[in-house]
Amino acid sequence: MKISEDDVRYVAKLARLQLDSAQIHKMSEIFNDILTYMDTLNHVDTTDVLPTSHVVKMESVFRNDEIKESLPLEEALQNAPDRVGAFYRVPKIIE
């Protein structure tokens, strides 16, 4: 399948792009190069290759959720610059 300059003009019109004749010619060449490469890839033997969603092995970087005891209140608030009882006091930002 070859992409003609008329095809490029049509798609550019649909995308509301204004391309001059040099750009249309260049885009036609680029699209045809891409299609040629895709055709090359279609001829690669992939009979023993399993389908994948990622090319590298994906691993979760997050720890597993485990139920455990929380940080004691006094330890959690020990560095609070301004605290009221069991709460942090923050500056008022909405008036």
C-alpha atoms as a PDB file:
ATOM      1  CA  MET A   1       0.000   0.000   0.000  1.00  0.00           C
ATOM      2  CA  LYS A   2       1.393   3.349  -0.975  1.00  0.00           C
ATOM      3  CA  ILE A   3       0.359   6.682   0.522  1.00  0.00           C
ATOM      4  CA  SER A   4      -0.139   9.249  -2.217  1.00  0.00           C
ATOM      5  CA  GLU A   5       0.173  12.989  -1.870  1.00  0.00           C
ATOM      6  CA  ASP A   6      -3.594  13.175  -2.326  1.00  0.00           C
ATOM      7  CA  ASP A   7      -3.985  10.925   0.728  1.00  0.00           C
ATOM      8  CA  VAL A   8      -1.762  13.270   2.727  1.00  0.00           C
ATOM      9  CA  ARG A   9      -3.781  16.291   1.559  1.00  0.00           C
ATOM     10  CA  TYR A  10      -7.014  14.551   2.571  1.00  0.00           C
ATOM     11  CA  VAL A  11      -5.763  13.643   6.057  1.00  0.00           C
ATOM     12  CA  ALA A  12      -4.282  17.113   6.523  1.00  0.00           C
ATOM     13  CA  LYS A  13      -7.658  18.613   5.620  1.00  0.00           C
ATOM     14  CA  LEU A  14      -9.411  16.347   8.147  1.00  0.00           C
ATOM     15  CA  ALA A  15      -6.865  17.359  10.796  1.00  0.00           C
ATOM     16  CA  ARG A  16      -7.228  21.008   9.788  1.00  0.00           C
ATOM     17  CA  LEU A  17      -3.518  21.277   8.989  1.00  0.00           C
ATOM     18  CA  GLN A  18      -2.180  23.652   6.402  1.00  0.00           C
ATOM     19  CA  LEU A  19       0.715  22.014   4.586  1.00  0.00           C
ATOM     20  CA  ASP A  20       2.526  23.405   1.579  1.00  0.00           C
ATOM     21  CA  SER A  21       3.454  21.174  -1.373  1.00  0.00           C
ATOM     22  CA  ALA A  22       6.975  20.496  -0.032  1.00  0.00           C
ATOM     23  CA  GLN A  23       5.575  19.377   3.334  1.00  0.00           C
ATOM     24  CA  ILE A  24       2.970  17.196   1.631  1.00  0.00           C
ATOM     25  CA  HIS A  25       5.678  15.541  -0.474  1.00  0.00           C
ATOM     26  CA  LYS A  26       7.881  14.989   2.602  1.00  0.00           C
ATOM     27  CA  MET A  27       5.013  13.554   4.677  1.00  0.00           C
ATOM     28  CA  SER A  28       4.125  11.192   1.840  1.00  0.00           C
ATOM     29  CA  GLU A  29       7.721   9.918   1.809  1.00  0.00           C
ATOM     30  CA  ILE A  30       7.776   9.529   5.596  1.00  0.00           C
ATOM     31  CA  PHE A  31       4.485   7.623   5.678  1.00  0.00           C
ATOM     32  CA  ASN A  32       5.660   5.326   2.887  1.00  0.00           C
ATOM     33  CA  ASP A  33       8.929   4.654   4.754  1.00  0.00           C
ATOM     34  CA  ILE A  34       6.924   3.715   7.851  1.00  0.00           C
ATOM     35  CA  LEU A  35       4.682   1.369   5.865  1.00  0.00           C
ATOM     36  CA  THR A  36       7.711  -0.236   4.210  1.00  0.00           C
ATOM     37  CA  TYR A  37       9.255  -0.847   7.635  1.00  0.00           C
ATOM     38  CA  MET A  38       5.988  -2.287   8.957  1.00  0.00           C
ATOM     39  CA  ASP A  39       5.870  -4.623   5.969  1.00  0.00           C
ATOM     40  CA  THR A  40       9.404  -5.761   6.836  1.00  0.00           C
ATOM     41  CA  LEU A  41       8.277  -6.453  10.405  1.00  0.00           C
ATOM     42  CA  ASN A  42       5.311  -8.467   9.119  1.00  0.00           C
ATOM     43  CA  HIS A  43       7.754 -10.930   7.537  1.00  0.00           C
ATOM     44  CA  VAL A  44       9.628 -11.620  10.799  1.00  0.00           C
ATOM     45  CA  ASP A  45       9.080 -15.147  12.134  1.00  0.00           C
ATOM     46  CA  THR A  46       7.290 -14.817  15.501  1.00  0.00           C
ATOM     47  CA  THR A  47       5.969 -18.369  15.837  1.00  0.00           C
ATOM     48  CA  ASP A  48       7.811 -19.039  19.134  1.00  0.00           C
ATOM     49  CA  VAL A  49       7.314 -15.564  20.586  1.00  0.00           C
ATOM     50  CA  LEU A  50       4.597 -15.195  23.203  1.00  0.00           C
ATOM     51  CA  PRO A  51       2.356 -12.125  23.025  1.00  0.00           C
ATOM     52  CA  THR A  52       3.364  -9.478  25.562  1.00  0.00           C
ATOM     53  CA  SER A  53       2.001  -6.188  26.760  1.00  0.00           C
ATOM     54  CA  HIS A  54       5.444  -4.906  27.826  1.00  0.00           C
ATOM     55  CA  VAL A  55       8.874  -5.612  26.423  1.00  0.00           C
ATOM     56  CA  VAL A  56      10.472  -5.628  29.866  1.00  0.00           C
ATOM     57  CA  LYS A  57       9.394  -7.587  32.922  1.00  0.00           C
ATOM     58  CA  MET A  58       7.093  -5.476  35.072  1.00  0.00           C
ATOM     59  CA  GLU A  59       7.387  -5.678  38.821  1.00  0.00           C
ATOM     60  CA  SER A  60       5.472  -3.826  41.480  1.00  0.00           C
ATOM     61  CA  VAL A  61       7.678  -1.366  43.343  1.00  0.00           C
ATOM     62  CA  PHE A  62       5.126  -1.013  46.122  1.00  0.00           C
ATOM     63  CA  ARG A  63       5.161  -3.089  49.248  1.00  0.00           C
ATOM     64  CA  ASN A  64       2.319  -5.460  50.008  1.00  0.00           C
ATOM     65  CA  ASP A  65      -0.485  -4.076  52.146  1.00  0.00           C
ATOM     66  CA  GLU A  66      -0.136  -5.488  55.613  1.00  0.00           C
ATOM     67  CA  ILE A  67      -2.128  -4.728  58.724  1.00  0.00           C
ATOM     68  CA  LYS A  68       0.185  -3.569  61.480  1.00  0.00           C
ATOM     69  CA  GLU A  69       0.195  -1.227  64.422  1.00  0.00           C
ATOM     70  CA  SER A  70       0.219   2.495  63.661  1.00  0.00           C
ATOM     71  CA  LEU A  71       2.843   4.976  64.815  1.00  0.00           C
ATOM     72  CA  PRO A  72       2.131   6.119  68.402  1.00  0.00           C
ATOM     73  CA  LEU A  73       0.462   9.561  68.541  1.00  0.00           C
ATOM     74  CA  GLU A  74       3.201  11.194  70.604  1.00  0.00           C
ATOM     75  CA  GLU A  75       5.908   9.923  68.270  1.00  0.00           C
ATOM     76  CA  ALA A  76       3.977  11.127  65.185  1.00  0.00           C
ATOM     77  CA  LEU A  77       3.523  14.635  66.641  1.00  0.00           C
ATOM     78  CA  GLN A  78       6.907  15.034  68.342  1.00  0.00           C
ATOM     79  CA  ASN A  79       8.343  17.315  65.620  1.00  0.00           C
ATOM     80  CA  ALA A  80       5.179  19.314  64.965  1.00  0.00           C
ATOM     81  CA  PRO A  81       6.053  23.033  65.076  1.00  0.00           C
ATOM     82  CA  ASP A  82       2.607  23.967  66.379  1.00  0.00           C
ATOM     83  CA  ARG A  83       0.210  21.423  67.787  1.00  0.00           C
ATOM     84  CA  VAL A  84      -3.070  21.551  69.652  1.00  0.00           C
ATOM     85  CA  GLY A  85      -3.742  18.351  71.561  1.00  0.00           C
ATOM     86  CA  ALA A  86      -3.654  15.476  69.092  1.00  0.00           C
ATOM     87  CA  PHE A  87      -3.652  17.709  65.973  1.00  0.00           C
ATOM     88  CA  TYR A  88      -1.271  19.742  63.828  1.00  0.00           C
ATOM     89  CA  ARG A  89      -2.057  23.450  63.656  1.00  0.00           C
ATOM     90  CA  VAL A  90      -1.565  24.939  60.209  1.00  0.00           C
ATOM     91  CA  PRO A  91      -1.809  28.542  58.999  1.00  0.00           C
ATOM     92  CA  LYS A  92      -5.202  29.685  57.792  1.00  0.00           C
ATOM     93  CA  ILE A  93      -5.231  29.826  53.992  1.00  0.00           C
ATOM     94  CA  ILE A  94      -8.897  30.570  53.269  1.00  0.00           C
ATOM     95  CA  GLU A  95     -10.567  33.654  54.586  1.00  0.00           C
END
